[in-house]
Amino acid sequence: MSTQEQKIADKPEKAETKQPEVKPVKAKKKKAKGEKFKLTYICQASAEMMVSIFTLKEGEDRFLKAVFRGQIIKKDDMFVIGDGASFTYKIRKNEVNDDDQHRLEMAWHRKEWEDDVWSTVTMLFTDDDEVDKKCELQFKQTGIPTDDKHGNTDQSELIKQFWVQHVFKGLTQFGNISCTSKKE
């Protein structure tokens, strides 16, 4: 045996290397950005009437004008609330589904939020089968930023109180349309 052959023969055999087991990576569910809250109300008006109120349909605009003391106007495709444009909103969807539920979806912005931050408000109005001019409102607002552009926290709670204390209470007081919180 030659020296070269001897070196090859003396070389230890390489052990089979095992490839590490590759486990599939589970896709993480994306969390919806921002905070959210839900409310349920019983309103003493038909679903169609309630949608007319929030879309400022001519003749029905008096209700929100009363709530906001005249400080709500339609400007292009947006509604502006307050003389300093405290809130703006746009109607994204206004439809009636197969169950005769009226769905109103809006993009909602508060002036204290970053300019490109809009939350989503969804209102689902369902007429009462037994009582005329009465409906249930399922209200949901999502995508509310945690902080405003000035660093103020608790934006979700501020917005919730705006709807509860100002809008729905205002409809009852100034619009004579009772909107009562439904405890679930």
N, C-alpha and C. Protein backbone atom coordinates (compact mmCIF):
# COMPACT_ATOMS: atom_id res chain seq x y z
N MET A 1 0.85 -1.15 0.00
CA MET A 1 0.00 0.00 0.00
C MET A 1 0.90 1.22 0.00
N SER A 2 0.55 2.13 -0.84
CA SER A 2 1.33 3.34 -0.94
C SER A 2 0.98 4.28 0.21
N THR A 3 1.85 5.24 0.41
CA THR A 3 1.62 6.19 1.49
C THR A 3 0.30 6.95 1.28
N GLN A 4 0.04 7.25 0.04
CA GLN A 4 -1.20 7.96 -0.27
C GLN A 4 -2.39 7.09 0.08
N GLU A 5 -2.33 5.82 -0.28
CA GLU A 5 -3.42 4.89 0.01
C GLU A 5 -3.56 4.71 1.51
N GLN A 6 -2.43 4.68 2.23
CA GLN A 6 -2.44 4.52 3.68
C GLN A 6 -3.13 5.72 4.36
N LYS A 7 -2.83 6.94 3.88
CA LYS A 7 -3.46 8.13 4.45
C LYS A 7 -4.97 8.08 4.28
N ILE A 8 -5.41 7.63 3.11
CA ILE A 8 -6.84 7.55 2.85
C ILE A 8 -7.47 6.49 3.75
N ALA A 9 -6.80 5.39 3.91
CA ALA A 9 -7.32 4.30 4.73
C ALA A 9 -7.36 4.70 6.20
N ASP A 10 -6.39 5.47 6.67
CA ASP A 10 -6.35 5.90 8.08
C ASP A 10 -7.36 7.00 8.41
N LYS A 11 -7.82 7.67 7.36
CA LYS A 11 -8.76 8.76 7.56
C LYS A 11 -10.06 8.20 8.13
N PRO A 12 -10.49 8.77 9.22
CA PRO A 12 -11.74 8.27 9.79
C PRO A 12 -12.91 8.59 8.86
N GLU A 13 -13.84 7.65 8.83
CA GLU A 13 -15.02 7.87 7.99
C GLU A 13 -15.86 8.99 8.61
N LYS A 14 -16.40 9.78 7.72
CA LYS A 14 -17.25 10.87 8.19
C LYS A 14 -18.57 10.29 8.63
N ALA A 15 -18.98 10.74 9.79
CA ALA A 15 -20.28 10.29 10.27
C ALA A 15 -21.35 11.01 9.44
N GLU A 16 -22.44 10.30 9.23
CA GLU A 16 -23.54 10.91 8.48
C GLU A 16 -24.08 12.09 9.28
N THR A 17 -24.14 13.21 8.65
CA THR A 17 -24.66 14.37 9.38
C THR A 17 -26.16 14.47 9.16
N LYS A 18 -26.84 14.61 10.27
CA LYS A 18 -28.29 14.69 10.22
C LYS A 18 -28.67 16.15 10.06
N GLN A 19 -29.56 16.41 9.12
CA GLN A 19 -30.07 17.76 8.93
C GLN A 19 -31.06 18.06 10.06
N PRO A 20 -30.99 19.24 10.63
CA PRO A 20 -31.95 19.57 11.69
C PRO A 20 -33.38 19.60 11.12
N GLU A 21 -34.30 19.18 11.95
CA GLU A 21 -35.69 19.14 11.53
C GLU A 21 -36.22 20.58 11.44
N VAL A 22 -36.81 20.89 10.32
CA VAL A 22 -37.35 22.22 10.12
C VAL A 22 -38.85 22.18 10.40
N LYS A 23 -39.23 22.95 11.38
CA LYS A 23 -40.65 23.02 11.73
C LYS A 23 -41.28 24.18 10.99
N PRO A 24 -42.51 23.99 10.50
CA PRO A 24 -43.17 25.09 9.79
C PRO A 24 -43.46 26.24 10.75
N VAL A 25 -43.29 27.43 10.26
CA VAL A 25 -43.55 28.62 11.06
C VAL A 25 -45.02 28.98 10.91
N LYS A 26 -45.68 29.14 12.05
CA LYS A 26 -47.09 29.51 12.01
C LYS A 26 -47.18 31.00 11.76
N ALA A 27 -48.08 31.36 10.85
CA ALA A 27 -48.30 32.77 10.56
C ALA A 27 -48.99 33.41 11.75
N LYS A 28 -48.48 34.53 12.16
CA LYS A 28 -49.10 35.23 13.28
C LYS A 28 -50.32 36.00 12.77
N LYS A 29 -51.37 35.97 13.56
CA LYS A 29 -52.55 36.73 13.21
C LYS A 29 -52.24 38.20 13.45
N LYS A 30 -52.63 39.00 12.47
CA LYS A 30 -52.43 40.44 12.63
C LYS A 30 -53.50 40.97 13.56
N LYS A 31 -53.06 41.71 14.53
CA LYS A 31 -54.00 42.37 15.43
C LYS A 31 -54.51 43.63 14.75
N ALA A 32 -55.78 43.87 14.92
CA ALA A 32 -56.32 45.11 14.37
C ALA A 32 -55.63 46.27 15.06
N LYS A 33 -55.26 47.25 14.27
CA LYS A 33 -54.59 48.42 14.84
C LYS A 33 -55.56 49.21 15.68
N GLY A 34 -55.09 49.70 16.76
CA GLY A 34 -55.91 50.57 17.59
C GLY A 34 -56.83 49.84 18.55
N GLU A 35 -57.61 50.64 19.24
CA GLU A 35 -58.52 50.11 20.24
C GLU A 35 -59.94 50.13 19.69
N LYS A 36 -60.86 49.49 20.42
CA LYS A 36 -62.24 49.43 19.96
C LYS A 36 -63.19 49.37 21.15
N PHE A 37 -64.45 49.62 20.88
CA PHE A 37 -65.50 49.43 21.88
C PHE A 37 -66.81 49.18 21.16
N LYS A 38 -67.76 48.62 21.91
CA LYS A 38 -69.09 48.32 21.38
C LYS A 38 -70.14 48.87 22.32
N LEU A 39 -71.26 49.29 21.75
CA LEU A 39 -72.41 49.76 22.51
C LEU A 39 -73.66 49.19 21.86
N THR A 40 -74.69 49.01 22.65
CA THR A 40 -75.99 48.59 22.11
C THR A 40 -77.05 49.51 22.69
N TYR A 41 -77.89 50.03 21.81
CA TYR A 41 -78.95 50.96 22.20
C TYR A 41 -80.29 50.50 21.64
N ILE A 42 -81.35 50.88 22.33
CA ILE A 42 -82.70 50.77 21.81
C ILE A 42 -83.12 52.20 21.50
N CYS A 43 -83.46 52.46 20.25
CA CYS A 43 -83.81 53.81 19.82
C CYS A 43 -85.28 53.87 19.44
N GLN A 44 -85.93 54.95 19.82
CA GLN A 44 -87.35 55.14 19.53
C GLN A 44 -87.53 55.83 18.18
N ALA A 45 -87.03 55.18 17.16
CA ALA A 45 -87.17 55.62 15.77
C ALA A 45 -86.90 54.39 14.91
N SER A 46 -87.38 54.43 13.69
CA SER A 46 -87.14 53.30 12.79
C SER A 46 -85.67 53.27 12.38
N ALA A 47 -85.23 52.13 11.91
CA ALA A 47 -83.85 51.99 11.43
C ALA A 47 -83.59 52.96 10.29
N GLU A 48 -84.55 53.07 9.39
CA GLU A 48 -84.40 53.97 8.25
C GLU A 48 -84.25 55.42 8.72
N MET A 49 -85.03 55.81 9.70
CA MET A 49 -84.95 57.16 10.25
C MET A 49 -83.59 57.41 10.89
N MET A 50 -83.09 56.44 11.64
CA MET A 50 -81.79 56.61 12.30
C MET A 50 -80.67 56.76 11.27
N VAL A 51 -80.73 56.00 10.19
CA VAL A 51 -79.73 56.14 9.13
C VAL A 51 -79.84 57.53 8.51
N SER A 52 -81.05 57.99 8.28
CA SER A 52 -81.26 59.34 7.72
C SER A 52 -80.66 60.41 8.61
N ILE A 53 -80.75 60.22 9.91
CA ILE A 53 -80.19 61.19 10.86
C ILE A 53 -78.68 61.28 10.70
N PHE A 54 -78.01 60.13 10.66
CA PHE A 54 -76.53 60.15 10.62
C PHE A 54 -75.97 60.47 9.24
N THR A 55 -76.80 60.35 8.20
CA THR A 55 -76.32 60.72 6.86
C THR A 55 -76.76 62.13 6.49
N LEU A 56 -77.40 62.83 7.43
CA LEU A 56 -77.89 64.20 7.24
C LEU A 56 -78.79 64.32 6.02
N LYS A 57 -79.64 63.31 5.85
CA LYS A 57 -80.61 63.36 4.76
C LYS A 57 -81.46 64.61 4.95
N GLU A 58 -81.73 65.28 3.85
CA GLU A 58 -82.48 66.53 3.92
C GLU A 58 -83.80 66.33 4.66
N GLY A 59 -84.06 67.20 5.58
CA GLY A 59 -85.26 67.10 6.40
C GLY A 59 -84.99 66.40 7.72
N GLU A 60 -84.01 65.54 7.75
CA GLU A 60 -83.65 64.82 8.97
C GLU A 60 -82.38 65.40 9.60
N ASP A 61 -81.76 66.35 8.93
CA ASP A 61 -80.52 66.94 9.43
C ASP A 61 -80.73 67.75 10.70
N ARG A 62 -81.99 68.08 11.00
CA ARG A 62 -82.28 68.89 12.18
C ARG A 62 -81.88 68.19 13.48
N PHE A 63 -81.87 66.86 13.48
CA PHE A 63 -81.55 66.13 14.71
C PHE A 63 -80.09 66.31 15.11
N LEU A 64 -79.18 66.03 14.20
CA LEU A 64 -77.76 66.20 14.54
C LEU A 64 -77.40 67.68 14.66
N LYS A 65 -78.09 68.53 13.92
CA LYS A 65 -77.84 69.97 14.08
C LYS A 65 -78.23 70.40 15.49
N ALA A 66 -79.30 69.82 16.02
CA ALA A 66 -79.69 70.14 17.40
C ALA A 66 -78.65 69.60 18.38
N VAL A 67 -78.19 68.37 18.15
CA VAL A 67 -77.20 67.75 19.03
C VAL A 67 -75.90 68.56 19.04
N PHE A 68 -75.48 69.00 17.87
CA PHE A 68 -74.20 69.73 17.77
C PHE A 68 -74.40 71.25 17.71
N ARG A 69 -75.57 71.70 18.15
CA ARG A 69 -75.89 73.13 18.23
C ARG A 69 -75.60 73.86 16.92
N GLY A 70 -76.01 73.22 15.85
CA GLY A 70 -75.88 73.82 14.52
C GLY A 70 -74.51 73.70 13.89
N GLN A 71 -73.57 73.11 14.60
CA GLN A 71 -72.20 73.07 14.11
C GLN A 71 -71.88 71.74 13.43
N ILE A 72 -72.67 71.41 12.42
CA ILE A 72 -72.36 70.26 11.57
C ILE A 72 -72.74 70.64 10.15
N ILE A 73 -71.80 70.43 9.25
CA ILE A 73 -72.05 70.75 7.84
C ILE A 73 -71.53 69.62 6.97
N LYS A 74 -72.10 69.53 5.78
CA LYS A 74 -71.58 68.58 4.80
C LYS A 74 -70.67 69.36 3.88
N LYS A 75 -69.44 68.86 3.73
CA LYS A 75 -68.44 69.52 2.89
C LYS A 75 -67.86 68.46 1.96
N ASP A 76 -68.18 68.57 0.70
CA ASP A 76 -67.82 67.55 -0.30
C ASP A 76 -68.41 66.21 0.14
N ASP A 77 -67.56 65.20 0.34
CA ASP A 77 -68.08 63.88 0.76
C ASP A 77 -67.91 63.67 2.27
N MET A 78 -67.59 64.73 2.99
CA MET A 78 -67.37 64.60 4.44
C MET A 78 -68.37 65.45 5.22
N PHE A 79 -68.55 65.02 6.47
CA PHE A 79 -69.35 65.78 7.41
C PHE A 79 -68.39 66.35 8.45
N VAL A 80 -68.51 67.63 8.72
CA VAL A 80 -67.60 68.32 9.63
C VAL A 80 -68.40 68.77 10.84
N ILE A 81 -67.92 68.40 12.03
CA ILE A 81 -68.61 68.73 13.28
C ILE A 81 -67.75 69.72 14.06
N GLY A 82 -68.37 70.80 14.48
CA GLY A 82 -67.67 71.80 15.29
C GLY A 82 -67.07 72.87 14.42
N ASP A 83 -67.04 74.07 14.94
CA ASP A 83 -66.49 75.18 14.15
C ASP A 83 -64.99 75.02 13.91
N GLY A 84 -64.33 74.28 14.77
CA GLY A 84 -62.90 74.01 14.58
C GLY A 84 -62.65 72.65 13.99
N ALA A 85 -63.68 72.06 13.36
CA ALA A 85 -63.59 70.73 12.75
C ALA A 85 -63.12 69.69 13.77
N SER A 86 -63.76 69.69 14.95
CA SER A 86 -63.40 68.75 16.00
C SER A 86 -63.43 67.31 15.53
N PHE A 87 -64.45 66.98 14.74
CA PHE A 87 -64.59 65.64 14.18
C PHE A 87 -64.97 65.76 12.72
N THR A 88 -64.52 64.81 11.93
CA THR A 88 -64.98 64.68 10.55
C THR A 88 -65.31 63.21 10.33
N TYR A 89 -66.29 62.99 9.47
CA TYR A 89 -66.58 61.60 9.11
C TYR A 89 -67.08 61.52 7.67
N LYS A 90 -66.88 60.33 7.09
CA LYS A 90 -67.30 60.04 5.73
C LYS A 90 -68.14 58.77 5.77
N ILE A 91 -69.17 58.72 4.96
CA ILE A 91 -69.97 57.51 4.84
C ILE A 91 -69.25 56.57 3.87
N ARG A 92 -68.94 55.38 4.33
CA ARG A 92 -68.31 54.37 3.47
C ARG A 92 -69.36 53.43 2.88
N LYS A 93 -70.32 53.06 3.71
CA LYS A 93 -71.35 52.11 3.29
C LYS A 93 -72.67 52.51 3.90
N ASN A 94 -73.71 52.40 3.10
CA ASN A 94 -75.07 52.63 3.58
C ASN A 94 -75.92 51.61 2.83
N GLU A 95 -76.24 50.51 3.49
CA GLU A 95 -76.93 49.44 2.79
C GLU A 95 -77.96 48.76 3.69
N VAL A 96 -78.88 48.08 3.05
CA VAL A 96 -79.86 47.27 3.75
C VAL A 96 -79.60 45.83 3.33
N ASN A 97 -79.40 44.94 4.33
CA ASN A 97 -79.10 43.55 3.99
C ASN A 97 -80.38 42.73 3.83
N ASP A 98 -80.23 41.44 3.57
CA ASP A 98 -81.38 40.55 3.33
C ASP A 98 -82.30 40.44 4.53
N ASP A 99 -81.79 40.70 5.73
CA ASP A 99 -82.60 40.62 6.95
C ASP A 99 -83.23 41.97 7.29
N ASP A 100 -83.24 42.89 6.34
CA ASP A 100 -83.77 44.24 6.54
C ASP A 100 -83.04 45.01 7.63
N GLN A 101 -81.80 44.68 7.87
CA GLN A 101 -80.98 45.45 8.80
C GLN A 101 -80.30 46.57 8.00
N HIS A 102 -80.28 47.73 8.57
CA HIS A 102 -79.63 48.87 7.92
C HIS A 102 -78.22 48.99 8.48
N ARG A 103 -77.25 48.91 7.59
CA ARG A 103 -75.84 48.99 8.00
C ARG A 103 -75.26 50.30 7.49
N LEU A 104 -74.70 51.03 8.43
CA LEU A 104 -74.05 52.30 8.11
C LEU A 104 -72.61 52.20 8.60
N GLU A 105 -71.68 52.39 7.69
CA GLU A 105 -70.26 52.34 8.05
C GLU A 105 -69.63 53.68 7.70
N MET A 106 -68.87 54.21 8.66
CA MET A 106 -68.26 55.53 8.49
C MET A 106 -66.78 55.48 8.84
N ALA A 107 -66.02 56.30 8.15
CA ALA A 107 -64.64 56.58 8.55
C ALA A 107 -64.74 57.80 9.47
N TRP A 108 -64.10 57.74 10.63
CA TRP A 108 -64.27 58.76 11.66
C TRP A 108 -62.91 59.29 12.08
N HIS A 109 -62.79 60.61 12.17
CA HIS A 109 -61.50 61.23 12.52
C HIS A 109 -61.72 62.33 13.56
N ARG A 110 -60.82 62.37 14.52
CA ARG A 110 -60.82 63.42 15.53
C ARG A 110 -59.63 64.32 15.23
N LYS A 111 -59.83 65.63 15.31
CA LYS A 111 -58.75 66.54 14.89
C LYS A 111 -57.48 66.39 15.71
N GLU A 112 -57.58 65.87 16.93
CA GLU A 112 -56.39 65.70 17.77
C GLU A 112 -55.57 64.46 17.38
N TRP A 113 -56.09 63.64 16.46
CA TRP A 113 -55.35 62.47 16.00
C TRP A 113 -54.42 62.88 14.86
N GLU A 114 -53.44 62.02 14.60
CA GLU A 114 -52.57 62.26 13.44
C GLU A 114 -53.46 62.38 12.21
N ASP A 115 -53.04 63.19 11.24
CA ASP A 115 -53.88 63.48 10.08
C ASP A 115 -54.31 62.24 9.29
N ASP A 116 -53.46 61.22 9.26
CA ASP A 116 -53.79 60.03 8.47
C ASP A 116 -54.48 58.93 9.28
N VAL A 117 -54.88 59.21 10.51
CA VAL A 117 -55.52 58.21 11.37
C VAL A 117 -57.03 58.40 11.35
N TRP A 118 -57.72 57.37 10.88
CA TRP A 118 -59.18 57.33 10.83
C TRP A 118 -59.64 56.04 11.47
N SER A 119 -60.65 56.11 12.30
CA SER A 119 -61.23 54.90 12.87
C SER A 119 -62.46 54.52 12.04
N THR A 120 -63.01 53.34 12.31
CA THR A 120 -64.19 52.87 11.60
C THR A 120 -65.35 52.76 12.57
N VAL A 121 -66.45 53.38 12.22
CA VAL A 121 -67.69 53.28 13.00
C VAL A 121 -68.66 52.44 12.19
N THR A 122 -69.20 51.41 12.82
CA THR A 122 -70.21 50.58 12.17
C THR A 122 -71.47 50.61 13.02
N MET A 123 -72.56 50.97 12.39
CA MET A 123 -73.86 51.00 13.07
C MET A 123 -74.78 50.02 12.34
N LEU A 124 -75.34 49.09 13.08
CA LEU A 124 -76.28 48.13 12.52
C LEU A 124 -77.62 48.35 13.21
N PHE A 125 -78.59 48.84 12.45
CA PHE A 125 -79.92 49.15 12.97
C PHE A 125 -80.88 48.04 12.57
N THR A 126 -81.59 47.48 13.54
CA THR A 126 -82.57 46.42 13.28
C THR A 126 -83.92 46.86 13.82
N ASP A 127 -84.91 46.96 12.93
CA ASP A 127 -86.24 47.36 13.36
C ASP A 127 -86.84 46.33 14.30
N ASP A 128 -87.62 46.82 15.26
CA ASP A 128 -88.35 45.96 16.18
C ASP A 128 -89.53 45.35 15.42
N ASP A 129 -89.71 44.04 15.55
CA ASP A 129 -90.80 43.36 14.85
C ASP A 129 -92.18 43.71 15.40
N GLU A 130 -92.24 44.11 16.67
CA GLU A 130 -93.52 44.33 17.32
C GLU A 130 -93.91 45.80 17.44
N VAL A 131 -92.93 46.67 17.56
CA VAL A 131 -93.23 48.09 17.79
C VAL A 131 -92.73 48.90 16.60
N ASP A 132 -93.65 49.68 16.06
CA ASP A 132 -93.30 50.58 14.96
C ASP A 132 -92.41 51.69 15.50
N LYS A 133 -91.53 52.20 14.70
CA LYS A 133 -90.64 53.30 15.07
C LYS A 133 -89.79 52.98 16.31
N LYS A 134 -89.24 51.78 16.30
CA LYS A 134 -88.31 51.37 17.37
C LYS A 134 -87.30 50.44 16.73
N CYS A 135 -86.03 50.63 17.08
CA CYS A 135 -85.00 49.76 16.52
C CYS A 135 -83.90 49.53 17.54
N GLU A 136 -83.13 48.49 17.30
CA GLU A 136 -81.94 48.22 18.11
C GLU A 136 -80.74 48.67 17.30
N LEU A 137 -79.83 49.31 17.96
CA LEU A 137 -78.59 49.76 17.33
C LEU A 137 -77.43 49.00 17.95
N GLN A 138 -76.69 48.30 17.10
CA GLN A 138 -75.42 47.69 17.52
C GLN A 138 -74.33 48.60 16.96
N PHE A 139 -73.59 49.21 17.85
CA PHE A 139 -72.60 50.21 17.50
C PHE A 139 -71.21 49.67 17.81
N LYS A 140 -70.30 49.85 16.87
CA LYS A 140 -68.92 49.42 17.10
C LYS A 140 -67.99 50.44 16.47
N GLN A 141 -66.95 50.81 17.22
CA GLN A 141 -65.92 51.69 16.68
C GLN A 141 -64.58 51.00 16.87
N THR A 142 -63.83 50.87 15.78
CA THR A 142 -62.53 50.19 15.81
C THR A 142 -61.45 51.10 15.24
N GLY A 143 -60.21 50.73 15.50
CA GLY A 143 -59.08 51.49 14.95
C GLY A 143 -58.83 52.81 15.65
N ILE A 144 -59.24 52.91 16.89
CA ILE A 144 -59.04 54.15 17.65
C ILE A 144 -57.60 54.16 18.16
N PRO A 145 -56.86 55.22 17.89
CA PRO A 145 -55.48 55.25 18.38
C PRO A 145 -55.44 55.31 19.91
N THR A 146 -54.40 54.77 20.48
CA THR A 146 -54.23 54.79 21.93
C THR A 146 -53.98 56.22 22.42
N ASP A 147 -53.12 56.93 21.69
CA ASP A 147 -52.74 58.30 22.04
C ASP A 147 -53.09 59.24 20.90
N ASP A 148 -53.30 60.51 21.22
CA ASP A 148 -53.48 61.49 20.15
C ASP A 148 -52.11 62.07 19.79
N LYS A 149 -52.09 63.02 18.87
CA LYS A 149 -50.81 63.56 18.41
C LYS A 149 -50.11 64.43 19.46
N HIS A 150 -50.79 64.71 20.56
CA HIS A 150 -50.19 65.48 21.65
C HIS A 150 -49.74 64.58 22.80
N GLY A 151 -49.91 63.26 22.64
CA GLY A 151 -49.50 62.33 23.68
C GLY A 151 -50.58 62.02 24.71
N ASN A 152 -51.77 62.56 24.53
CA ASN A 152 -52.87 62.28 25.47
C ASN A 152 -53.37 60.85 25.27
N THR A 153 -53.49 60.12 26.35
CA THR A 153 -53.89 58.72 26.28
C THR A 153 -55.40 58.56 26.41
N ASP A 154 -55.84 57.31 26.44
CA ASP A 154 -57.24 56.95 26.65
C ASP A 154 -58.17 57.49 25.57
N GLN A 155 -57.74 57.49 24.33
CA GLN A 155 -58.58 57.99 23.25
C GLN A 155 -59.86 57.19 23.10
N SER A 156 -59.78 55.90 23.31
CA SER A 156 -60.97 55.04 23.19
C SER A 156 -62.04 55.46 24.19
N GLU A 157 -61.64 55.70 25.41
CA GLU A 157 -62.60 56.11 26.45
C GLU A 157 -63.18 57.49 26.14
N LEU A 158 -62.35 58.40 25.64
CA LEU A 158 -62.84 59.74 25.28
C LEU A 158 -63.88 59.67 24.16
N ILE A 159 -63.59 58.85 23.16
CA ILE A 159 -64.51 58.72 22.04
C ILE A 159 -65.81 58.03 22.49
N LYS A 160 -65.67 57.02 23.32
CA LYS A 160 -66.87 56.33 23.83
C LYS A 160 -67.76 57.32 24.59
N GLN A 161 -67.16 58.13 25.44
CA GLN A 161 -67.93 59.12 26.19
C GLN A 161 -68.56 60.17 25.28
N PHE A 162 -67.87 60.50 24.20
CA PHE A 162 -68.43 61.42 23.21
C PHE A 162 -69.74 60.86 22.65
N TRP A 163 -69.73 59.59 22.26
CA TRP A 163 -70.94 58.97 21.70
C TRP A 163 -72.03 58.86 22.77
N VAL A 164 -71.67 58.39 23.95
CA VAL A 164 -72.67 58.16 25.00
C VAL A 164 -73.25 59.47 25.51
N GLN A 165 -72.37 60.37 25.94
CA GLN A 165 -72.82 61.60 26.61
C GLN A 165 -73.28 62.69 25.65
N HIS A 166 -72.70 62.73 24.48
CA HIS A 166 -73.01 63.83 23.58
C HIS A 166 -74.01 63.43 22.49
N VAL A 167 -73.68 62.38 21.74
CA VAL A 167 -74.52 62.03 20.59
C VAL A 167 -75.83 61.38 21.04
N PHE A 168 -75.75 60.23 21.71
CA PHE A 168 -76.98 59.51 22.05
C PHE A 168 -77.81 60.23 23.11
N LYS A 169 -77.16 60.82 24.07
CA LYS A 169 -77.89 61.61 25.07
C LYS A 169 -78.47 62.87 24.41
N GLY A 170 -77.71 63.44 23.48
CA GLY A 170 -78.18 64.62 22.75
C GLY A 170 -79.38 64.32 21.87
N LEU A 171 -79.39 63.15 21.24
CA LEU A 171 -80.56 62.77 20.44
C LEU A 171 -81.80 62.69 21.32
N THR A 172 -81.61 62.19 22.54
CA THR A 172 -82.73 62.08 23.47
C THR A 172 -83.18 63.47 23.94
N GLN A 173 -82.23 64.30 24.33
CA GLN A 173 -82.56 65.61 24.89
C GLN A 173 -83.02 66.61 23.85
N PHE A 174 -82.31 66.71 22.74
CA PHE A 174 -82.59 67.76 21.77
C PHE A 174 -83.37 67.27 20.55
N GLY A 175 -83.22 65.99 20.22
CA GLY A 175 -83.89 65.47 19.04
C GLY A 175 -85.18 64.74 19.35
N ASN A 176 -85.46 64.57 20.65
CA ASN A 176 -86.65 63.86 21.09
C ASN A 176 -86.72 62.44 20.54
N ILE A 177 -85.55 61.83 20.37
CA ILE A 177 -85.47 60.43 19.97
C ILE A 177 -84.74 59.70 21.07
N SER A 178 -85.48 58.96 21.83
CA SER A 178 -84.89 58.26 22.97
C SER A 178 -83.96 57.16 22.49
N CYS A 179 -82.74 57.21 22.97
CA CYS A 179 -81.75 56.16 22.71
C CYS A 179 -81.28 55.67 24.08
N THR A 180 -81.72 54.47 24.46
CA THR A 180 -81.44 53.92 25.77
C THR A 180 -80.44 52.79 25.66
N SER A 181 -79.41 52.86 26.47
CA SER A 181 -78.39 51.81 26.49
C SER A 181 -79.02 50.48 26.86
N LYS A 182 -78.71 49.46 26.09
CA LYS A 182 -79.22 48.12 26.38
C LYS A 182 -78.13 47.36 27.10
N LYS A 183 -78.42 46.93 28.31
CA LYS A 183 -77.45 46.14 29.09
C LYS A 183 -77.50 44.71 28.61
N GLU A 184 -76.34 44.16 28.31
CA GLU A 184 -76.29 42.78 27.81
C GLU A 184 -75.87 41.83 28.90
